[in-house]
C-alpha atoms as a PDB file:
ATOM      1  CA  MET A   1     -94.601 -11.588 -23.994  1.00  0.00           C
ATOM      2  CA  THR A   2     -97.483  -9.304 -23.325  1.00  0.00           C
ATOM      3  CA  GLY A   3     -98.019  -8.068 -19.827  1.00  0.00           C
ATOM      4  CA  THR A   4     -94.422  -8.498 -18.690  1.00  0.00           C
ATOM      5  CA  SER A   5     -91.939  -5.712 -18.174  1.00  0.00           C
ATOM      6  CA  VAL A   6     -88.472  -5.559 -19.642  1.00  0.00           C
ATOM      7  CA  ARG A   7     -87.134  -6.051 -16.106  1.00  0.00           C
ATOM      8  CA  ASP A   8     -89.111  -9.283 -15.707  1.00  0.00           C
ATOM      9  CA  GLN A   9     -87.941 -10.534 -19.089  1.00  0.00           C
ATOM     10  CA  LEU A  10     -84.322  -9.765 -18.201  1.00  0.00           C
ATOM     11  CA  MET A  11     -84.708 -11.395 -14.796  1.00  0.00           C
ATOM     12  CA  ARG A  12     -85.749 -14.613 -16.550  1.00  0.00           C
ATOM     13  CA  THR A  13     -83.323 -14.400 -19.461  1.00  0.00           C
ATOM     14  CA  THR A  14     -80.075 -13.368 -17.781  1.00  0.00           C
ATOM     15  CA  PRO A  15     -79.807 -16.193 -15.215  1.00  0.00           C
ATOM     16  CA  SER A  16     -80.939 -18.709 -17.842  1.00  0.00           C
ATOM     17  CA  VAL A  17     -78.247 -17.604 -20.291  1.00  0.00           C
ATOM     18  CA  ALA A  18     -75.603 -17.625 -17.539  1.00  0.00           C
ATOM     19  CA  MET A  19     -76.631 -21.120 -16.443  1.00  0.00           C
ATOM     20  CA  VAL A  20     -76.524 -22.487 -19.998  1.00  0.00           C
ATOM     21  CA  ALA A  21     -73.192 -20.752 -20.676  1.00  0.00           C
ATOM     22  CA  SER A  22     -71.615 -22.258 -17.556  1.00  0.00           C
ATOM     23  CA  VAL A  23     -72.742 -25.758 -18.546  1.00  0.00           C
ATOM     24  CA  VAL A  24     -71.415 -25.208 -22.093  1.00  0.00           C
ATOM     25  CA  GLN A  25     -68.093 -23.992 -20.651  1.00  0.00           C
ATOM     26  CA  ILE A  26     -67.721 -27.145 -18.574  1.00  0.00           C
ATOM     27  CA  ALA A  27     -68.731 -29.393 -21.470  1.00  0.00           C
ATOM     28  CA  ALA A  28     -66.282 -27.660 -23.817  1.00  0.00           C
ATOM     29  CA  GLY A  29     -63.478 -27.971 -21.278  1.00  0.00           C
ATOM     30  CA  TRP A  30     -64.177 -31.656 -20.882  1.00  0.00           C
ATOM     31  CA  LEU A  31     -64.418 -32.326 -24.611  1.00  0.00           C
ATOM     32  CA  MET A  32     -61.267 -30.360 -25.449  1.00  0.00           C
ATOM     33  CA  TRP A  33     -58.963 -31.275 -22.568  1.00  0.00           C
ATOM     34  CA  ARG A  34     -60.726 -34.079 -20.684  1.00  0.00           C
ATOM     35  CA  LYS A  35     -60.372 -31.849 -17.650  1.00  0.00           C
ATOM     36  CA  VAL A  36     -62.424 -29.112 -16.014  1.00  0.00           C
ATOM     37  CA  GLU A  37     -60.811 -26.633 -13.664  1.00  0.00           C
ATOM     38  CA  ARG A  38     -62.134 -26.664 -10.106  1.00  0.00           C
ATOM     39  CA  MET A  39     -62.841 -22.920 -10.335  1.00  0.00           C
ATOM     40  CA  HIS A  40     -65.169 -23.554 -13.298  1.00  0.00           C
ATOM     41  CA  TRP A  41     -67.083 -26.192 -11.316  1.00  0.00           C
ATOM     42  CA  VAL A  42     -67.478 -23.865  -8.344  1.00  0.00           C
ATOM     43  CA  SER A  43     -68.536 -20.920 -10.496  1.00  0.00           C
ATOM     44  CA  ALA A  44     -70.997 -23.048 -12.483  1.00  0.00           C
ATOM     45  CA  GLY A  45     -72.433 -24.489  -9.289  1.00  0.00           C
ATOM     46  CA  LEU A  46     -72.985 -21.021  -7.859  1.00  0.00           C
ATOM     47  CA  ILE A  47     -74.517 -19.784 -11.116  1.00  0.00           C
ATOM     48  CA  VAL A  48     -76.924 -22.713 -11.251  1.00  0.00           C
ATOM     49  CA  LEU A  49     -77.788 -22.412  -7.560  1.00  0.00           C
ATOM     50  CA  PHE A  50     -78.280 -18.650  -7.428  1.00  0.00           C
ATOM     51  CA  GLY A  51     -79.630 -18.411 -10.980  1.00  0.00           C
ATOM     52  CA  GLY A  52     -82.161 -21.122 -10.176  1.00  0.00           C
ATOM     53  CA  MET A  53     -83.193 -19.345  -6.984  1.00  0.00           C
ATOM     54  CA  THR A  54     -83.569 -16.111  -8.953  1.00  0.00           C
ATOM     55  CA  LEU A  55     -85.824 -17.830 -11.489  1.00  0.00           C
ATOM     56  CA  ILE A  56     -87.895 -19.759  -8.956  1.00  0.00           C
ATOM     57  CA  LEU A  57     -88.353 -16.940  -6.450  1.00  0.00           C
ATOM     58  CA  HIS A  58     -88.415 -14.077  -8.996  1.00  0.00           C
ATOM     59  CA  ASN A  59     -85.860 -12.165  -6.961  1.00  0.00           C
ATOM     60  CA  PRO A  60     -82.711 -10.848  -8.695  1.00  0.00           C
ATOM     61  CA  LEU A  61     -80.843 -10.440  -5.404  1.00  0.00           C
ATOM     62  CA  PHE A  62     -79.931 -14.121  -5.490  1.00  0.00           C
ATOM     63  CA  ILE A  63     -77.956 -13.800  -8.721  1.00  0.00           C
ATOM     64  CA  MET A  64     -76.487 -10.549  -7.405  1.00  0.00           C
ATOM     65  CA  TRP A  65     -75.023 -12.455  -4.444  1.00  0.00           C
ATOM     66  CA  LYS A  66     -73.117 -14.887  -6.693  1.00  0.00           C
ATOM     67  CA  PRO A  67     -70.035 -12.646  -7.302  1.00  0.00           C
ATOM     68  CA  THR A  68     -69.809 -11.908  -3.587  1.00  0.00           C
ATOM     69  CA  ILE A  69     -69.982 -15.582  -2.601  1.00  0.00           C
ATOM     70  CA  LEU A  70     -67.446 -16.522  -5.293  1.00  0.00           C
ATOM     71  CA  ASN A  71     -65.047 -13.754  -4.226  1.00  0.00           C
ATOM     72  CA  TRP A  72     -65.347 -14.742  -0.576  1.00  0.00           C
ATOM     73  CA  LEU A  73     -64.702 -18.395  -1.461  1.00  0.00           C
ATOM     74  CA  PHE A  74     -61.558 -17.333  -3.324  1.00  0.00           C
ATOM     75  CA  ALA A  75     -60.532 -15.283  -0.282  1.00  0.00           C
ATOM     76  CA  LEU A  76     -60.955 -18.365   1.914  1.00  0.00           C
ATOM     77  CA  VAL A  77     -58.875 -20.491  -0.453  1.00  0.00           C
ATOM     78  CA  PHE A  78     -56.041 -17.943  -0.540  1.00  0.00           C
ATOM     79  CA  LEU A  79     -56.326 -17.528   3.240  1.00  0.00           C
ATOM     80  CA  GLY A  80     -56.187 -21.282   3.768  1.00  0.00           C
ATOM     81  CA  SER A  81     -53.100 -21.564   1.578  1.00  0.00           C
ATOM     82  CA  ALA A  82     -51.270 -19.243   3.981  1.00  0.00           C
ATOM     83  CA  PHE A  83     -51.611 -21.916   6.656  1.00  0.00           C
ATOM     84  CA  ILE A  84     -51.842 -25.175   4.697  1.00  0.00           C
ATOM     85  CA  GLY A  85     -48.946 -26.392   2.613  1.00  0.00           C
ATOM     86  CA  LYS A  86     -45.449 -25.051   2.210  1.00  0.00           C
ATOM     87  CA  LYS A  87     -46.249 -22.252  -0.235  1.00  0.00           C
ATOM     88  CA  PRO A  88     -49.093 -19.750  -0.517  1.00  0.00           C
ATOM     89  CA  LEU A  89     -51.413 -20.262  -3.463  1.00  0.00           C
ATOM     90  CA  VAL A  90     -50.207 -17.235  -5.393  1.00  0.00           C
ATOM     91  CA  GLN A  91     -46.663 -18.602  -5.274  1.00  0.00           C
ATOM     92  CA  ARG A  92     -47.796 -22.011  -6.516  1.00  0.00           C
ATOM     93  CA  MET A  93     -49.604 -20.339  -9.407  1.00  0.00           C
ATOM     94  CA  MET A  94     -46.875 -17.887 -10.410  1.00  0.00           C
ATOM     95  CA  GLU A  95     -43.431 -19.083  -9.332  1.00  0.00           C
ATOM     96  CA  HIS A  96     -42.807 -20.685 -12.725  1.00  0.00           C
ATOM     97  CA  ILE A  97     -43.093 -17.190 -14.234  1.00  0.00           C
ATOM     98  CA  ILE A  98     -41.281 -15.026 -11.691  1.00  0.00           C
ATOM     99  CA  GLN A  99     -38.997 -15.612  -8.735  1.00  0.00           C
ATOM    100  CA  VAL A 100     -39.324 -13.413  -5.645  1.00  0.00           C
ATOM    101  CA  PRO A 101     -38.414 -13.966  -1.988  1.00  0.00           C
ATOM    102  CA  GLY A 102     -40.836 -16.058   0.061  1.00  0.00           C
ATOM    103  CA  ALA A 103     -41.933 -13.128   2.226  1.00  0.00           C
ATOM    104  CA  ILE A 104     -43.081 -11.267  -0.892  1.00  0.00           C
ATOM    105  CA  TRP A 105     -45.214 -14.234  -1.986  1.00  0.00           C
ATOM    106  CA  HIS A 106     -46.886 -14.190   1.418  1.00  0.00           C
ATOM    107  CA  ARG A 107     -47.583 -10.447   1.195  1.00  0.00           C
ATOM    108  CA  VAL A 108     -49.076 -10.818  -2.277  1.00  0.00           C
ATOM    109  CA  ASN A 109     -51.176 -13.768  -1.105  1.00  0.00           C
ATOM    110  CA  TRP A 110     -52.559 -11.649   1.765  1.00  0.00           C
ATOM    111  CA  ALA A 111     -53.226  -8.842  -0.716  1.00  0.00           C
ATOM    112  CA  TRP A 112     -55.357 -11.258  -2.762  1.00  0.00           C
ATOM    113  CA  VAL A 113     -57.276 -12.248   0.368  1.00  0.00           C
ATOM    114  CA  ALA A 114     -58.011  -8.581   1.070  1.00  0.00           C
ATOM    115  CA  PHE A 115     -58.869  -7.895  -2.570  1.00  0.00           C
ATOM    116  CA  PHE A 116     -61.388 -10.740  -2.758  1.00  0.00           C
ATOM    117  CA  VAL A 117     -63.016  -9.761   0.539  1.00  0.00           C
ATOM    118  CA  LEU A 118     -63.300  -6.114  -0.526  1.00  0.00           C
ATOM    119  CA  SER A 119     -64.589  -7.045  -3.988  1.00  0.00           C
ATOM    120  CA  GLY A 120     -67.310  -9.153  -2.399  1.00  0.00           C
ATOM    121  CA  VAL A 121     -68.259  -6.347  -0.028  1.00  0.00           C
ATOM    122  CA  ALA A 122     -68.284  -3.789  -2.853  1.00  0.00           C
ATOM    123  CA  ASN A 123     -70.499  -6.032  -4.990  1.00  0.00           C
ATOM    124  CA  ILE A 124     -73.100  -6.587  -2.317  1.00  0.00           C
ATOM    125  CA  LEU A 125     -73.117  -2.917  -1.280  1.00  0.00           C
ATOM    126  CA  VAL A 126     -73.780  -1.893  -4.870  1.00  0.00           C
ATOM    127  CA  ALA A 127     -76.453  -4.594  -5.208  1.00  0.00           C
ATOM    128  CA  TYR A 128     -78.366  -3.275  -2.196  1.00  0.00           C
ATOM    129  CA  GLN A 129     -77.732   0.453  -2.538  1.00  0.00           C
ATOM    130  CA  PHE A 130     -78.168   1.037  -6.272  1.00  0.00           C
ATOM    131  CA  SER A 131     -80.460   0.032  -9.124  1.00  0.00           C
ATOM    132  CA  GLU A 132     -80.173  -3.304 -10.912  1.00  0.00           C
ATOM    133  CA  GLU A 133     -78.955  -1.505 -14.016  1.00  0.00           C
ATOM    134  CA  PHE A 134     -76.189   0.179 -12.026  1.00  0.00           C
ATOM    135  CA  TRP A 135     -75.258  -3.163 -10.427  1.00  0.00           C
ATOM    136  CA  VAL A 136     -75.015  -4.866 -13.844  1.00  0.00           C
ATOM    137  CA  ASN A 137     -72.646  -2.140 -15.050  1.00  0.00           C
ATOM    138  CA  PHE A 138     -70.651  -2.325 -11.816  1.00  0.00           C
ATOM    139  CA  LYS A 139     -70.374  -6.103 -12.049  1.00  0.00           C
ATOM    140  CA  LEU A 140     -69.220  -5.946 -15.653  1.00  0.00           C
ATOM    141  CA  PHE A 141     -67.011  -2.869 -15.628  1.00  0.00           C
ATOM    142  CA  GLY A 142     -66.369  -2.042 -11.972  1.00  0.00           C
ATOM    143  CA  LEU A 143     -65.331  -5.463 -10.713  1.00  0.00           C
ATOM    144  CA  MET A 144     -63.396  -6.187 -13.887  1.00  0.00           C
ATOM    145  CA  GLY A 145     -61.699  -2.793 -13.672  1.00  0.00           C
ATOM    146  CA  MET A 146     -60.836  -3.333 -10.012  1.00  0.00           C
ATOM    147  CA  THR A 147     -59.325  -6.718 -10.861  1.00  0.00           C
ATOM    148  CA  PHE A 148     -57.332  -5.283 -13.765  1.00  0.00           C
ATOM    149  CA  VAL A 149     -55.921  -2.434 -11.642  1.00  0.00           C
ATOM    150  CA  PHE A 150     -55.109  -4.828  -8.798  1.00  0.00           C
ATOM    151  CA  MET A 151     -53.272  -7.182 -11.147  1.00  0.00           C
ATOM    152  CA  ILE A 152     -51.252  -4.308 -12.639  1.00  0.00           C
ATOM    153  CA  LEU A 153     -50.306  -3.127  -9.140  1.00  0.00           C
ATOM    154  CA  GLN A 154     -49.398  -6.691  -8.174  1.00  0.00           C
ATOM    155  CA  GLY A 155     -47.181  -6.986 -11.243  1.00  0.00           C
ATOM    156  CA  LEU A 156     -45.415  -3.721 -10.429  1.00  0.00           C
ATOM    157  CA  TYR A 157     -44.939  -4.806  -6.813  1.00  0.00           C
ATOM    158  CA  LEU A 158     -43.564  -8.211  -7.802  1.00  0.00           C
ATOM    159  CA  GLY A 159     -41.304  -6.497 -10.334  1.00  0.00           C
ATOM    160  CA  LEU A 160     -39.634  -4.570  -7.504  1.00  0.00           C
ATOM    161  CA  TYR A 161     -38.518  -7.839  -5.926  1.00  0.00           C
ATOM    162  CA  ALA A 162     -38.035 -10.055  -8.973  1.00  0.00           C
ATOM    163  CA  GLU A 163     -34.764 -11.902  -8.928  1.00  0.00           C
ATOM    164  CA  ARG A 164     -32.653 -11.636 -12.043  1.00  0.00           C
ATOM    165  CA  PRO A 165     -32.065 -14.873 -14.010  1.00  0.00           C
ATOM    166  CA  ALA A 166     -28.390 -14.954 -12.956  1.00  0.00           C
ATOM    167  CA  GLU A 167     -29.447 -14.674  -9.305  1.00  0.00           C
ATOM    168  CA  VAL A 168     -31.954 -17.502  -9.734  1.00  0.00           C
ATOM    169  CA  ASP A 169     -29.378 -19.697 -11.524  1.00  0.00           C
ATOM    170  CA  ALA A 170     -26.873 -19.067  -8.735  1.00  0.00           C
ATOM    171  CA  GLN A 171     -29.436 -20.200  -6.166  1.00  0.00           C
ATOM    172  CA  THR A 172     -30.878 -23.197  -8.018  1.00  0.00           C
ATOM    173  CA  GLY A 173     -28.005 -24.324 -10.257  1.00  0.00           C
ATOM    174  CA  PRO A 174     -28.327 -25.342 -13.908  1.00  0.00           C
ATOM    175  CA  GLN A 175     -31.745 -26.615 -14.949  1.00  0.00           C
ATOM    176  CA  ASP A 176     -32.488 -29.404 -17.437  1.00  0.00           C
ATOM    177  CA  GLY A 177     -32.174 -28.015 -20.940  1.00  0.00           C
ATOM    178  CA  ASP A 178     -29.832 -25.175 -19.900  1.00  0.00           C
ATOM    179  CA  GLU A 179     -26.896 -24.899 -22.246  1.00  0.00           C
ATOM    180  CA  ARG A 180     -23.734 -24.373 -20.216  1.00  0.00           C
ATOM    181  CA  PRO A 181     -20.159 -24.339 -21.538  1.00  0.00           C
END
């Protein structure tokens, strides 16, 4: 590829690889489980949309917006679950693993809303204020690191309020498969 810079080559290659990988992920999910998670559809759609715009318009900012849009969509979903349905989304996803009082589930759900909003803001600030190379490293290590730390803190917080198995049994009674004398 004579006459093209490494930046131009990466701008063409990276969105293309991401778009192909997202399609392969959906195809693999369908072939293996005959089901594709809604999150995978949304993420793939955003990758194809913003990756395609990056390729067509030769502007990497479009692909840089994808994590922000995805995080803000997640924030909206968690926010909506606070008002729609009987349980917040985080409770629906985790109550089979851990039991905590309802108020704690609501606090954790709101924490996820804030986390996703802040992650989206951080991503777009880095995209506009720093080099592409810095943004790539931030997206890979910074956002992943932020998520990891947030999840650890969430686990510690939930652990403070986790109900002991005897407490849960006393509230719910014996479950199918429980061996009782």
